[in-house]
C-alpha atoms as a PDB file:
ATOM      1  CA  GLN A   1       0.000   0.000   0.000  1.00  0.00           C
ATOM      2  CA  VAL A   2       1.149   3.534  -0.767  1.00  0.00           C
ATOM      3  CA  GLN A   3       1.078   6.275   1.858  1.00  0.00           C
ATOM      4  CA  LEU A   4       1.030   9.934   0.845  1.00  0.00           C
ATOM      5  CA  VAL A   5       1.595  12.983   3.040  1.00  0.00           C
ATOM      6  CA  GLU A   6       1.126  16.520   1.707  1.00  0.00           C
ATOM      7  CA  SER A   7       2.727  19.648   3.091  1.00  0.00           C
ATOM      8  CA  GLY A   8       3.367  23.238   2.084  1.00  0.00           C
ATOM      9  CA  GLY A   9      -0.098  24.733   2.121  1.00  0.00           C
ATOM     10  CA  GLY A  10      -0.846  28.114   3.620  1.00  0.00           C
ATOM     11  CA  LEU A  11      -2.040  31.644   3.003  1.00  0.00           C
ATOM     12  CA  VAL A  12      -0.676  33.659   0.090  1.00  0.00           C
ATOM     13  CA  GLN A  13      -1.671  36.900  -1.623  1.00  0.00           C
ATOM     14  CA  ALA A  14      -2.934  36.917  -5.182  1.00  0.00           C
ATOM     15  CA  GLY A  15      -0.001  36.847  -7.582  1.00  0.00           C
ATOM     16  CA  GLY A  16       2.167  34.986  -5.081  1.00  0.00           C
ATOM     17  CA  SER A  17       3.615  31.479  -5.077  1.00  0.00           C
ATOM     18  CA  LEU A  18       3.516  28.316  -3.009  1.00  0.00           C
ATOM     19  CA  ARG A  19       5.113  24.910  -3.405  1.00  0.00           C
ATOM     20  CA  LEU A  20       3.293  21.829  -2.218  1.00  0.00           C
ATOM     21  CA  SER A  21       5.111  18.599  -1.457  1.00  0.00           C
ATOM     22  CA  CYS A  22       3.816  15.043  -1.374  1.00  0.00           C
ATOM     23  CA  ALA A  23       6.020  12.502   0.377  1.00  0.00           C
ATOM     24  CA  ALA A  24       5.350   8.920  -0.722  1.00  0.00           C
ATOM     25  CA  SER A  25       6.174   5.665   1.045  1.00  0.00           C
ATOM     26  CA  GLY A  26       5.238   2.029   0.772  1.00  0.00           C
ATOM     27  CA  ARG A  27       4.572   0.256  -2.506  1.00  0.00           C
ATOM     28  CA  THR A  28       5.605   1.677  -5.855  1.00  0.00           C
ATOM     29  CA  PHE A  29       3.174   3.477  -8.157  1.00  0.00           C
ATOM     30  CA  SER A  30       3.253   4.856 -11.680  1.00  0.00           C
ATOM     31  CA  VAL A  31       1.433   8.189 -11.631  1.00  0.00           C
ATOM     32  CA  MET A  32       1.107  10.968  -9.054  1.00  0.00           C
ATOM     33  CA  GLY A  33      -1.705  13.445  -9.425  1.00  0.00           C
ATOM     34  CA  TRP A  34      -2.802  16.611  -7.666  1.00  0.00           C
ATOM     35  CA  PHE A  35      -6.448  17.471  -7.159  1.00  0.00           C
ATOM     36  CA  ARG A  36      -8.195  20.259  -5.299  1.00  0.00           C
ATOM     37  CA  GLN A  37     -11.569  20.751  -3.697  1.00  0.00           C
ATOM     38  CA  ALA A  38     -13.112  24.083  -2.840  1.00  0.00           C
ATOM     39  CA  PRO A  39     -16.041  24.358  -0.381  1.00  0.00           C
ATOM     40  CA  GLY A  40     -19.280  23.225  -1.987  1.00  0.00           C
ATOM     41  CA  LYS A  41     -17.542  22.010  -5.140  1.00  0.00           C
ATOM     42  CA  GLU A  42     -16.469  18.660  -6.488  1.00  0.00           C
ATOM     43  CA  ARG A  43     -12.869  17.532  -6.374  1.00  0.00           C
ATOM     44  CA  GLU A  44     -11.171  18.670  -9.560  1.00  0.00           C
ATOM     45  CA  PHE A  45      -8.042  17.589 -11.389  1.00  0.00           C
ATOM     46  CA  VAL A  46      -5.046  19.922 -11.278  1.00  0.00           C
ATOM     47  CA  ALA A  47      -2.055  18.058 -12.690  1.00  0.00           C
ATOM     48  CA  ALA A  48      -0.446  14.627 -12.949  1.00  0.00           C
ATOM     49  CA  VAL A  49       3.002  13.263 -13.725  1.00  0.00           C
ATOM     50  CA  LYS A  50       4.435   9.861 -14.558  1.00  0.00           C
ATOM     51  CA  TRP A  51       6.540   8.440 -11.739  1.00  0.00           C
ATOM     52  CA  SER A  52       9.410   6.783 -13.546  1.00  0.00           C
ATOM     53  CA  GLY A  53      13.078   7.243 -14.288  1.00  0.00           C
ATOM     54  CA  GLY A  54      15.676   8.757 -12.020  1.00  0.00           C
ATOM     55  CA  GLY A  55      16.307  12.233 -10.655  1.00  0.00           C
ATOM     56  CA  LEU A  56      14.148  15.292 -11.121  1.00  0.00           C
ATOM     57  CA  TYR A  57      11.688  14.684 -13.939  1.00  0.00           C
ATOM     58  CA  TYR A  58       9.244  17.101 -15.505  1.00  0.00           C
ATOM     59  CA  SER A  59       8.097  15.445 -18.740  1.00  0.00           C
ATOM     60  CA  ASP A  60       5.040  13.271 -19.304  1.00  0.00           C
ATOM     61  CA  SER A  61       2.831  15.589 -17.310  1.00  0.00           C
ATOM     62  CA  VAL A  62      -0.720  16.819 -17.801  1.00  0.00           C
ATOM     63  CA  TYR A  63      -2.400  19.983 -16.530  1.00  0.00           C
ATOM     64  CA  SER A  64      -5.913  21.311 -16.286  1.00  0.00           C
ATOM     65  CA  ASP A  65      -6.567  24.373 -18.417  1.00  0.00           C
ATOM     66  CA  SER A  66      -7.156  26.482 -15.315  1.00  0.00           C
ATOM     67  CA  VAL A  67      -3.587  26.038 -14.048  1.00  0.00           C
ATOM     68  CA  LYS A  68      -1.612  25.526 -17.256  1.00  0.00           C
ATOM     69  CA  ASN A  69       1.365  27.903 -17.531  1.00  0.00           C
ATOM     70  CA  ARG A  70       1.004  28.839 -13.840  1.00  0.00           C
ATOM     71  CA  PHE A  71       1.546  25.534 -12.015  1.00  0.00           C
ATOM     72  CA  THR A  72       4.342  23.006 -12.509  1.00  0.00           C
ATOM     73  CA  ILE A  73       4.231  19.405 -11.347  1.00  0.00           C
ATOM     74  CA  SER A  74       7.433  17.479 -10.787  1.00  0.00           C
ATOM     75  CA  ARG A  75       8.861  14.615  -8.817  1.00  0.00           C
ATOM     76  CA  ASP A  76      12.187  13.668  -7.262  1.00  0.00           C
ATOM     77  CA  ASN A  77      12.534   9.904  -7.235  1.00  0.00           C
ATOM     78  CA  ALA A  78      15.613  10.027  -5.022  1.00  0.00           C
ATOM     79  CA  LYS A  79      13.505  11.687  -2.334  1.00  0.00           C
ATOM     80  CA  ASN A  80      10.322   9.821  -3.262  1.00  0.00           C
ATOM     81  CA  THR A  81       8.542  13.160  -3.230  1.00  0.00           C
ATOM     82  CA  GLY A  82       6.277  14.943  -5.679  1.00  0.00           C
ATOM     83  CA  TYR A  83       5.874  18.694  -5.943  1.00  0.00           C
ATOM     84  CA  LEU A  84       3.354  21.195  -7.200  1.00  0.00           C
ATOM     85  CA  GLN A  85       4.864  24.640  -7.782  1.00  0.00           C
ATOM     86  CA  MET A  86       2.089  27.210  -7.929  1.00  0.00           C
ATOM     87  CA  ASN A  87       2.853  30.664  -9.344  1.00  0.00           C
ATOM     88  CA  SER A  88       0.722  33.678 -10.230  1.00  0.00           C
ATOM     89  CA  MET A  89      -1.900  32.402  -7.856  1.00  0.00           C
ATOM     90  CA  LEU A  90      -5.502  33.566  -8.013  1.00  0.00           C
ATOM     91  CA  PRO A  91      -8.227  33.690  -5.355  1.00  0.00           C
ATOM     92  CA  GLU A  92     -10.029  30.929  -7.265  1.00  0.00           C
ATOM     93  CA  ASP A  93      -7.064  28.646  -6.524  1.00  0.00           C
ATOM     94  CA  THR A  94      -8.251  28.539  -2.908  1.00  0.00           C
ATOM     95  CA  ALA A  95      -9.022  24.926  -1.995  1.00  0.00           C
ATOM     96  CA  VAL A  96      -7.824  21.867  -0.135  1.00  0.00           C
ATOM     97  CA  TYR A  97      -5.150  20.278  -2.306  1.00  0.00           C
ATOM     98  CA  TYR A  98      -4.703  16.510  -2.384  1.00  0.00           C
ATOM     99  CA  CYS A  99      -2.025  14.345  -3.929  1.00  0.00           C
ATOM    100  CA  ALA A 100      -3.003  10.924  -5.206  1.00  0.00           C
ATOM    101  CA  ALA A 101      -1.324   7.872  -6.693  1.00  0.00           C
ATOM    102  CA  ARG A 102      -2.351   5.199  -9.156  1.00  0.00           C
ATOM    103  CA  GLY A 103      -0.944   2.526 -11.449  1.00  0.00           C
ATOM    104  CA  LEU A 104      -0.205   2.825 -15.146  1.00  0.00           C
ATOM    105  CA  GLY A 105      -1.767   5.625 -17.160  1.00  0.00           C
ATOM    106  CA  ILE A 106      -2.367   9.308 -16.511  1.00  0.00           C
ATOM    107  CA  PHE A 107      -6.051   9.985 -15.786  1.00  0.00           C
ATOM    108  CA  THR A 108      -7.751  13.225 -14.872  1.00  0.00           C
ATOM    109  CA  THR A 109     -10.693  11.868 -12.883  1.00  0.00           C
ATOM    110  CA  ALA A 110     -10.468  11.367  -9.130  1.00  0.00           C
ATOM    111  CA  SER A 111     -12.152   7.968  -9.248  1.00  0.00           C
ATOM    112  CA  GLN A 112      -9.188   6.574 -11.186  1.00  0.00           C
ATOM    113  CA  TYR A 113      -6.821   7.146  -8.252  1.00  0.00           C
ATOM    114  CA  SER A 114      -6.658   4.542  -5.511  1.00  0.00           C
ATOM    115  CA  THR A 115      -4.553   6.271  -2.861  1.00  0.00           C
ATOM    116  CA  TRP A 116      -4.939   9.751  -1.404  1.00  0.00           C
ATOM    117  CA  GLY A 117      -3.145  11.992   1.037  1.00  0.00           C
ATOM    118  CA  GLN A 118      -4.906  13.866   3.805  1.00  0.00           C
ATOM    119  CA  GLY A 119      -4.928  17.194   1.972  1.00  0.00           C
ATOM    120  CA  THR A 120      -3.433  20.601   2.671  1.00  0.00           C
ATOM    121  CA  GLN A 121      -5.288  23.917   2.724  1.00  0.00           C
ATOM    122  CA  VAL A 122      -4.278  26.642   0.284  1.00  0.00           C
ATOM    123  CA  THR A 123      -5.856  30.079   0.641  1.00  0.00           C
ATOM    124  CA  VAL A 124      -5.231  32.920  -1.801  1.00  0.00           C
ATOM    125  CA  SER A 125      -6.302  36.368  -0.637  1.00  0.00           C
ATOM    126  CA  SER A 126      -7.294  39.096  -3.066  1.00  0.00           C
END
């Protein structure tokens, strides 16, 4: 079984940046995704990256249109940690952010991911 622990959330002003981390342990997996859920809304896909190869690895990633060119997903296999760098943040980015893991194939729906972290709150003030 995979265990995931997020960190790095907090309060930031609009236009600012935050970096979320997701530390993984346990069994191996193939894809790490980030999702977010705002109050009263469904959990939505943010980004996902293939978990393969060595070192810091940015390719084979997918982003939602709402965060493309502002957020960057990456992973460091040596540290077994995934990251979500969030720049040019907007108030609508406010949500609880979750990392998730799954087997082969990048999917953008939450139901396709079998393992979830506990979530970390991100609040962007205007």
